Amino acid sequence: YIVTSNSLGIDAMSKNCISCHDGSIGSVVELKAGSWRHRENFIKFDKGGMHPIGMNYEKARLENHKAALKPISMVDKRIRFFGNMNKVGCGSCHNPFSRKKNKLVLPNIGSKLCFACHNM
């Protein structure tokens, strides 16, 4: 996990996820907005395997044209955003109670989950 913004925090669910999945134990550490490394090239469009969490979706859509984000009103409703700033979190794509592969909120066959937010 790489912090990219000291001014933005992340949601409680993401903190819980990272507290175990970063290889350490302890959720007391205050985590800020940043990028989570899933693994190398976890999707063909992302050669670094990184995905941001804690960022304001709509602000990113307007400022980062490379991400090719859809307006939030067009995003599949199964994808959650957190807080009044509509932040992306681990729970945007993952549900710890899901029976789908990788605990995803919807199947990613044909990158369907990725295309729920991104116009690629």
N, C-alpha and C. Protein backbone atom coordinates (compact mmCIF):
# COMPACT_ATOMS: atom_id res chain seq x y z
N TYR A 1 0.85 -1.18 0.00
CA TYR A 1 0.00 0.00 0.00
C TYR A 1 0.89 1.23 0.00
N ILE A 2 0.62 2.16 -0.87
CA ILE A 2 1.41 3.38 -0.99
C ILE A 2 0.50 4.57 -0.76
N VAL A 3 0.81 5.38 0.26
CA VAL A 3 0.02 6.59 0.53
C VAL A 3 0.35 7.63 -0.53
N THR A 4 -0.69 8.20 -1.14
CA THR A 4 -0.50 9.23 -2.15
C THR A 4 -1.09 10.58 -1.75
N SER A 5 -1.85 10.62 -0.65
CA SER A 5 -2.44 11.87 -0.18
C SER A 5 -2.52 11.85 1.34
N ASN A 6 -1.80 12.74 1.98
CA ASN A 6 -1.86 12.83 3.44
C ASN A 6 -3.08 13.59 3.92
N SER A 7 -3.82 14.22 3.00
CA SER A 7 -4.98 15.00 3.41
C SER A 7 -6.28 14.20 3.38
N LEU A 8 -6.28 13.07 2.70
CA LEU A 8 -7.49 12.25 2.61
C LEU A 8 -7.31 10.93 3.35
N GLY A 9 -8.31 10.57 4.15
CA GLY A 9 -8.29 9.28 4.83
C GLY A 9 -9.01 8.24 3.99
N ILE A 10 -9.10 7.02 4.53
CA ILE A 10 -9.84 5.96 3.84
C ILE A 10 -10.96 5.47 4.75
N ASP A 11 -11.91 4.78 4.18
CA ASP A 11 -13.07 4.31 4.92
C ASP A 11 -12.70 3.16 5.85
N ALA A 12 -13.57 2.90 6.82
CA ALA A 12 -13.33 1.88 7.84
C ALA A 12 -13.17 0.49 7.24
N MET A 13 -13.97 0.16 6.24
CA MET A 13 -13.86 -1.16 5.63
C MET A 13 -12.48 -1.36 5.00
N SER A 14 -12.00 -0.36 4.29
CA SER A 14 -10.68 -0.45 3.65
C SER A 14 -9.58 -0.57 4.71
N LYS A 15 -9.71 0.15 5.81
CA LYS A 15 -8.73 0.03 6.89
C LYS A 15 -8.68 -1.40 7.41
N ASN A 16 -9.85 -2.00 7.58
CA ASN A 16 -9.90 -3.39 8.05
C ASN A 16 -9.27 -4.34 7.05
N CYS A 17 -9.54 -4.13 5.78
CA CYS A 17 -8.96 -4.99 4.75
C CYS A 17 -7.44 -4.90 4.76
N ILE A 18 -6.93 -3.68 4.74
CA ILE A 18 -5.49 -3.47 4.67
C ILE A 18 -4.79 -3.94 5.94
N SER A 19 -5.47 -3.88 7.07
CA SER A 19 -4.83 -4.28 8.32
C SER A 19 -4.34 -5.72 8.28
N CYS A 20 -4.99 -6.56 7.48
CA CYS A 20 -4.52 -7.96 7.32
C CYS A 20 -3.81 -8.17 5.99
N HIS A 21 -4.34 -7.62 4.94
CA HIS A 21 -3.82 -7.93 3.61
C HIS A 21 -2.54 -7.21 3.25
N ASP A 22 -2.04 -6.33 4.10
CA ASP A 22 -0.74 -5.72 3.82
C ASP A 22 0.39 -6.53 4.44
N GLY A 23 0.05 -7.62 5.09
CA GLY A 23 1.07 -8.49 5.66
C GLY A 23 1.40 -8.18 7.10
N SER A 24 0.75 -7.20 7.68
CA SER A 24 0.99 -6.87 9.08
C SER A 24 -0.32 -7.01 9.85
N ILE A 25 -0.24 -6.89 11.16
CA ILE A 25 -1.44 -6.94 11.99
C ILE A 25 -1.50 -5.65 12.78
N GLY A 26 -2.64 -5.01 12.75
CA GLY A 26 -2.82 -3.79 13.52
C GLY A 26 -3.56 -2.75 12.73
N SER A 27 -4.80 -2.47 13.11
CA SER A 27 -5.59 -1.48 12.39
C SER A 27 -5.58 -0.13 13.09
N VAL A 28 -4.70 0.04 14.05
CA VAL A 28 -4.63 1.30 14.78
C VAL A 28 -3.93 2.38 13.95
N VAL A 29 -3.09 1.99 13.03
CA VAL A 29 -2.36 2.92 12.20
C VAL A 29 -3.34 3.74 11.36
N GLU A 30 -3.14 5.04 11.33
CA GLU A 30 -4.01 5.89 10.53
C GLU A 30 -3.55 5.84 9.09
N LEU A 31 -4.37 5.27 8.23
CA LEU A 31 -4.03 5.16 6.82
C LEU A 31 -4.67 6.29 6.05
N LYS A 32 -3.97 6.76 5.07
CA LYS A 32 -4.44 7.85 4.22
C LYS A 32 -4.72 7.32 2.82
N ALA A 33 -5.30 8.18 1.98
CA ALA A 33 -5.60 7.78 0.61
C ALA A 33 -4.34 7.35 -0.11
N GLY A 34 -4.47 6.36 -0.96
CA GLY A 34 -3.30 5.87 -1.67
C GLY A 34 -3.67 4.83 -2.70
N SER A 35 -2.70 4.02 -3.05
CA SER A 35 -2.89 2.98 -4.05
C SER A 35 -2.54 1.63 -3.47
N TRP A 36 -3.36 0.67 -3.74
CA TRP A 36 -3.17 -0.70 -3.29
C TRP A 36 -2.61 -1.51 -4.45
N ARG A 37 -1.55 -2.26 -4.20
CA ARG A 37 -0.97 -3.11 -5.23
C ARG A 37 -1.56 -4.51 -5.10
N HIS A 38 -2.40 -4.90 -6.05
CA HIS A 38 -3.00 -6.23 -6.06
C HIS A 38 -1.93 -7.26 -6.39
N ARG A 39 -1.34 -7.11 -7.53
CA ARG A 39 -0.24 -7.94 -8.02
C ARG A 39 0.18 -7.34 -9.36
N GLU A 40 1.28 -7.79 -9.88
CA GLU A 40 1.73 -7.28 -11.18
C GLU A 40 0.66 -7.48 -12.23
N ASN A 41 0.39 -6.42 -12.98
CA ASN A 41 -0.50 -6.49 -14.14
C ASN A 41 -1.82 -7.20 -13.85
N PHE A 42 -2.51 -6.76 -12.78
CA PHE A 42 -3.75 -7.45 -12.42
C PHE A 42 -4.86 -7.24 -13.44
N ILE A 43 -4.73 -6.22 -14.24
CA ILE A 43 -5.57 -6.08 -15.42
C ILE A 43 -4.69 -5.64 -16.56
N LYS A 44 -5.07 -5.94 -17.77
CA LYS A 44 -4.20 -5.65 -18.91
C LYS A 44 -3.97 -4.15 -19.12
N PHE A 45 -4.87 -3.31 -18.59
CA PHE A 45 -4.73 -1.87 -18.77
C PHE A 45 -3.84 -1.23 -17.71
N ASP A 46 -3.55 -1.95 -16.63
CA ASP A 46 -2.78 -1.40 -15.52
C ASP A 46 -1.51 -2.21 -15.36
N LYS A 47 -0.43 -1.72 -15.91
CA LYS A 47 0.82 -2.48 -15.92
C LYS A 47 1.52 -2.49 -14.58
N GLY A 48 1.08 -1.70 -13.62
CA GLY A 48 1.72 -1.69 -12.31
C GLY A 48 0.97 -2.48 -11.25
N GLY A 49 -0.25 -2.89 -11.56
CA GLY A 49 -1.05 -3.64 -10.59
C GLY A 49 -1.59 -2.79 -9.46
N MET A 50 -1.66 -1.48 -9.64
CA MET A 50 -2.10 -0.56 -8.59
C MET A 50 -3.53 -0.09 -8.84
N HIS A 51 -4.27 0.10 -7.75
CA HIS A 51 -5.59 0.72 -7.85
C HIS A 51 -5.76 1.66 -6.66
N PRO A 52 -6.21 2.90 -6.91
CA PRO A 52 -6.35 3.86 -5.81
C PRO A 52 -7.53 3.55 -4.90
N ILE A 53 -7.38 3.87 -3.63
CA ILE A 53 -8.49 3.87 -2.68
C ILE A 53 -8.40 5.17 -1.89
N GLY A 54 -9.54 5.62 -1.40
CA GLY A 54 -9.58 6.87 -0.63
C GLY A 54 -9.73 8.10 -1.49
N MET A 55 -9.77 7.94 -2.79
CA MET A 55 -9.90 9.10 -3.66
C MET A 55 -11.36 9.37 -3.98
N ASN A 56 -11.66 10.63 -4.21
CA ASN A 56 -12.99 11.07 -4.59
C ASN A 56 -13.22 10.68 -6.05
N TYR A 57 -14.20 9.81 -6.28
CA TYR A 57 -14.44 9.28 -7.62
C TYR A 57 -14.70 10.39 -8.63
N GLU A 58 -15.63 11.27 -8.33
CA GLU A 58 -16.03 12.30 -9.29
C GLU A 58 -14.88 13.28 -9.56
N LYS A 59 -14.12 13.63 -8.55
CA LYS A 59 -12.97 14.51 -8.74
C LYS A 59 -11.95 13.83 -9.64
N ALA A 60 -11.70 12.55 -9.40
CA ALA A 60 -10.76 11.80 -10.24
C ALA A 60 -11.26 11.73 -11.68
N ARG A 61 -12.56 11.56 -11.85
CA ARG A 61 -13.13 11.50 -13.20
C ARG A 61 -12.88 12.79 -13.97
N LEU A 62 -13.03 13.90 -13.27
CA LEU A 62 -12.87 15.20 -13.92
C LEU A 62 -11.41 15.59 -14.13
N GLU A 63 -10.54 15.14 -13.25
CA GLU A 63 -9.13 15.57 -13.30
C GLU A 63 -8.19 14.56 -13.97
N ASN A 64 -8.55 13.29 -13.98
CA ASN A 64 -7.66 12.26 -14.52
C ASN A 64 -8.31 11.62 -15.74
N HIS A 65 -8.14 12.23 -16.87
CA HIS A 65 -8.80 11.73 -18.08
C HIS A 65 -8.21 10.40 -18.54
N LYS A 66 -6.99 10.11 -18.14
CA LYS A 66 -6.36 8.83 -18.48
C LYS A 66 -7.14 7.65 -17.90
N ALA A 67 -7.77 7.85 -16.74
CA ALA A 67 -8.55 6.79 -16.09
C ALA A 67 -9.85 6.50 -16.83
N ALA A 68 -10.31 7.43 -17.66
CA ALA A 68 -11.53 7.26 -18.47
C ALA A 68 -12.71 6.78 -17.62
N LEU A 69 -12.99 7.50 -16.54
CA LEU A 69 -14.07 7.12 -15.63
C LEU A 69 -15.43 7.61 -16.13
N LYS A 70 -16.43 6.78 -15.96
CA LYS A 70 -17.81 7.14 -16.29
C LYS A 70 -18.36 8.08 -15.23
N PRO A 71 -19.37 8.89 -15.55
CA PRO A 71 -20.04 9.66 -14.51
C PRO A 71 -20.58 8.69 -13.45
N ILE A 72 -20.54 9.10 -12.20
CA ILE A 72 -20.94 8.21 -11.09
C ILE A 72 -22.38 7.72 -11.24
N SER A 73 -23.22 8.51 -11.87
CA SER A 73 -24.62 8.09 -12.07
C SER A 73 -24.74 6.91 -13.04
N MET A 74 -23.71 6.65 -13.83
CA MET A 74 -23.73 5.55 -14.79
C MET A 74 -23.02 4.29 -14.28
N VAL A 75 -22.45 4.36 -13.08
CA VAL A 75 -21.72 3.23 -12.51
C VAL A 75 -22.72 2.21 -11.96
N ASP A 76 -22.45 0.94 -12.17
CA ASP A 76 -23.29 -0.15 -11.66
C ASP A 76 -23.52 0.07 -10.16
N LYS A 77 -24.76 -0.03 -9.73
CA LYS A 77 -25.12 0.26 -8.34
C LYS A 77 -24.55 -0.74 -7.34
N ARG A 78 -24.05 -1.87 -7.80
CA ARG A 78 -23.41 -2.83 -6.89
C ARG A 78 -22.04 -2.35 -6.43
N ILE A 79 -21.50 -1.36 -7.12
CA ILE A 79 -20.22 -0.77 -6.72
C ILE A 79 -20.50 0.33 -5.72
N ARG A 80 -19.89 0.20 -4.54
CA ARG A 80 -20.14 1.14 -3.45
C ARG A 80 -19.09 2.24 -3.42
N PHE A 81 -19.54 3.42 -3.01
CA PHE A 81 -18.64 4.53 -2.74
C PHE A 81 -18.89 4.94 -1.30
N PHE A 82 -17.89 5.53 -0.66
CA PHE A 82 -17.94 5.75 0.78
C PHE A 82 -17.92 7.23 1.14
N GLY A 83 -18.76 7.57 2.12
CA GLY A 83 -18.79 8.92 2.67
C GLY A 83 -19.44 9.92 1.73
N ASN A 84 -19.50 11.15 2.19
CA ASN A 84 -20.15 12.20 1.40
C ASN A 84 -19.29 12.65 0.22
N MET A 85 -18.04 12.17 0.16
CA MET A 85 -17.17 12.51 -0.96
C MET A 85 -17.14 11.42 -2.03
N ASN A 86 -17.97 10.38 -1.86
CA ASN A 86 -18.01 9.28 -2.83
C ASN A 86 -16.62 8.73 -3.11
N LYS A 87 -15.96 8.30 -2.03
CA LYS A 87 -14.61 7.77 -2.15
C LYS A 87 -14.63 6.30 -2.58
N VAL A 88 -13.60 5.94 -3.34
CA VAL A 88 -13.38 4.56 -3.72
C VAL A 88 -12.70 3.86 -2.55
N GLY A 89 -13.13 2.65 -2.25
CA GLY A 89 -12.51 1.86 -1.19
C GLY A 89 -12.41 0.41 -1.61
N CYS A 90 -11.84 -0.41 -0.78
CA CYS A 90 -11.77 -1.85 -1.07
C CYS A 90 -13.17 -2.41 -1.33
N GLY A 91 -14.15 -1.91 -0.56
CA GLY A 91 -15.53 -2.36 -0.68
C GLY A 91 -16.24 -1.87 -1.93
N SER A 92 -15.58 -1.05 -2.74
CA SER A 92 -16.17 -0.66 -4.01
C SER A 92 -16.22 -1.86 -4.95
N CYS A 93 -15.18 -2.67 -4.92
CA CYS A 93 -15.08 -3.83 -5.82
C CYS A 93 -15.22 -5.16 -5.10
N HIS A 94 -14.95 -5.18 -3.80
CA HIS A 94 -14.97 -6.42 -3.03
C HIS A 94 -16.03 -6.40 -1.94
N ASN A 95 -16.62 -7.57 -1.69
CA ASN A 95 -17.56 -7.75 -0.60
C ASN A 95 -17.08 -8.97 0.19
N PRO A 96 -16.69 -8.78 1.46
CA PRO A 96 -16.15 -9.92 2.20
C PRO A 96 -17.12 -11.09 2.35
N PHE A 97 -18.39 -10.88 2.08
CA PHE A 97 -19.39 -11.93 2.19
C PHE A 97 -19.77 -12.53 0.84
N SER A 98 -19.16 -12.06 -0.22
CA SER A 98 -19.46 -12.53 -1.56
C SER A 98 -19.01 -13.98 -1.75
N ARG A 99 -19.75 -14.71 -2.56
CA ARG A 99 -19.37 -16.07 -2.93
C ARG A 99 -18.67 -16.09 -4.29
N LYS A 100 -18.56 -14.91 -4.90
CA LYS A 100 -17.91 -14.82 -6.20
C LYS A 100 -16.39 -14.89 -6.03
N LYS A 101 -15.70 -15.27 -7.09
CA LYS A 101 -14.25 -15.37 -7.08
C LYS A 101 -13.63 -14.03 -6.63
N ASN A 102 -12.66 -14.11 -5.76
CA ASN A 102 -11.96 -12.94 -5.21
C ASN A 102 -12.87 -11.99 -4.44
N LYS A 103 -14.03 -12.53 -3.99
CA LYS A 103 -14.99 -11.74 -3.19
C LYS A 103 -15.44 -10.47 -3.93
N LEU A 104 -15.58 -10.56 -5.23
CA LEU A 104 -15.96 -9.40 -6.03
C LEU A 104 -17.45 -9.11 -5.91
N VAL A 105 -17.82 -7.84 -6.13
CA VAL A 105 -19.24 -7.45 -6.04
C VAL A 105 -20.01 -7.89 -7.28
N LEU A 106 -19.31 -8.11 -8.38
CA LEU A 106 -19.90 -8.67 -9.58
C LEU A 106 -18.80 -9.39 -10.35
N PRO A 107 -19.14 -10.38 -11.14
CA PRO A 107 -18.11 -11.13 -11.85
C PRO A 107 -17.28 -10.23 -12.75
N ASN A 108 -16.01 -10.54 -12.90
CA ASN A 108 -15.14 -9.73 -13.73
C ASN A 108 -14.83 -10.42 -15.07
N ILE A 109 -15.72 -11.27 -15.49
CA ILE A 109 -15.55 -11.93 -16.78
C ILE A 109 -15.55 -10.87 -17.87
N GLY A 110 -14.52 -10.90 -18.72
CA GLY A 110 -14.40 -9.89 -19.76
C GLY A 110 -14.16 -8.50 -19.20
N SER A 111 -13.59 -8.42 -18.01
CA SER A 111 -13.31 -7.15 -17.31
C SER A 111 -14.57 -6.36 -17.01
N LYS A 112 -15.70 -7.06 -16.85
CA LYS A 112 -16.99 -6.39 -16.60
C LYS A 112 -16.94 -5.48 -15.38
N LEU A 113 -16.28 -5.93 -14.30
CA LEU A 113 -16.18 -5.09 -13.11
C LEU A 113 -15.39 -3.82 -13.41
N CYS A 114 -14.29 -3.96 -14.09
CA CYS A 114 -13.47 -2.78 -14.44
C CYS A 114 -14.26 -1.79 -15.32
N PHE A 115 -14.98 -2.36 -16.30
CA PHE A 115 -15.74 -1.52 -17.22
C PHE A 115 -16.99 -0.92 -16.57
N ALA A 116 -17.33 -1.34 -15.37
CA ALA A 116 -18.45 -0.71 -14.67
C ALA A 116 -18.12 0.74 -14.34
N CYS A 117 -16.84 1.04 -14.16
CA CYS A 117 -16.40 2.42 -13.87
C CYS A 117 -15.61 3.05 -15.04
N HIS A 118 -14.81 2.23 -15.71
CA HIS A 118 -13.89 2.74 -16.73
C HIS A 118 -14.43 2.53 -18.13
N ASN A 119 -14.27 3.55 -18.97
CA ASN A 119 -14.54 3.45 -20.42
C ASN A 119 -13.20 3.19 -21.08
N MET A 120 -12.93 1.96 -21.42
CA MET A 120 -11.63 1.65 -22.04
C MET A 120 -11.85 1.21 -23.45
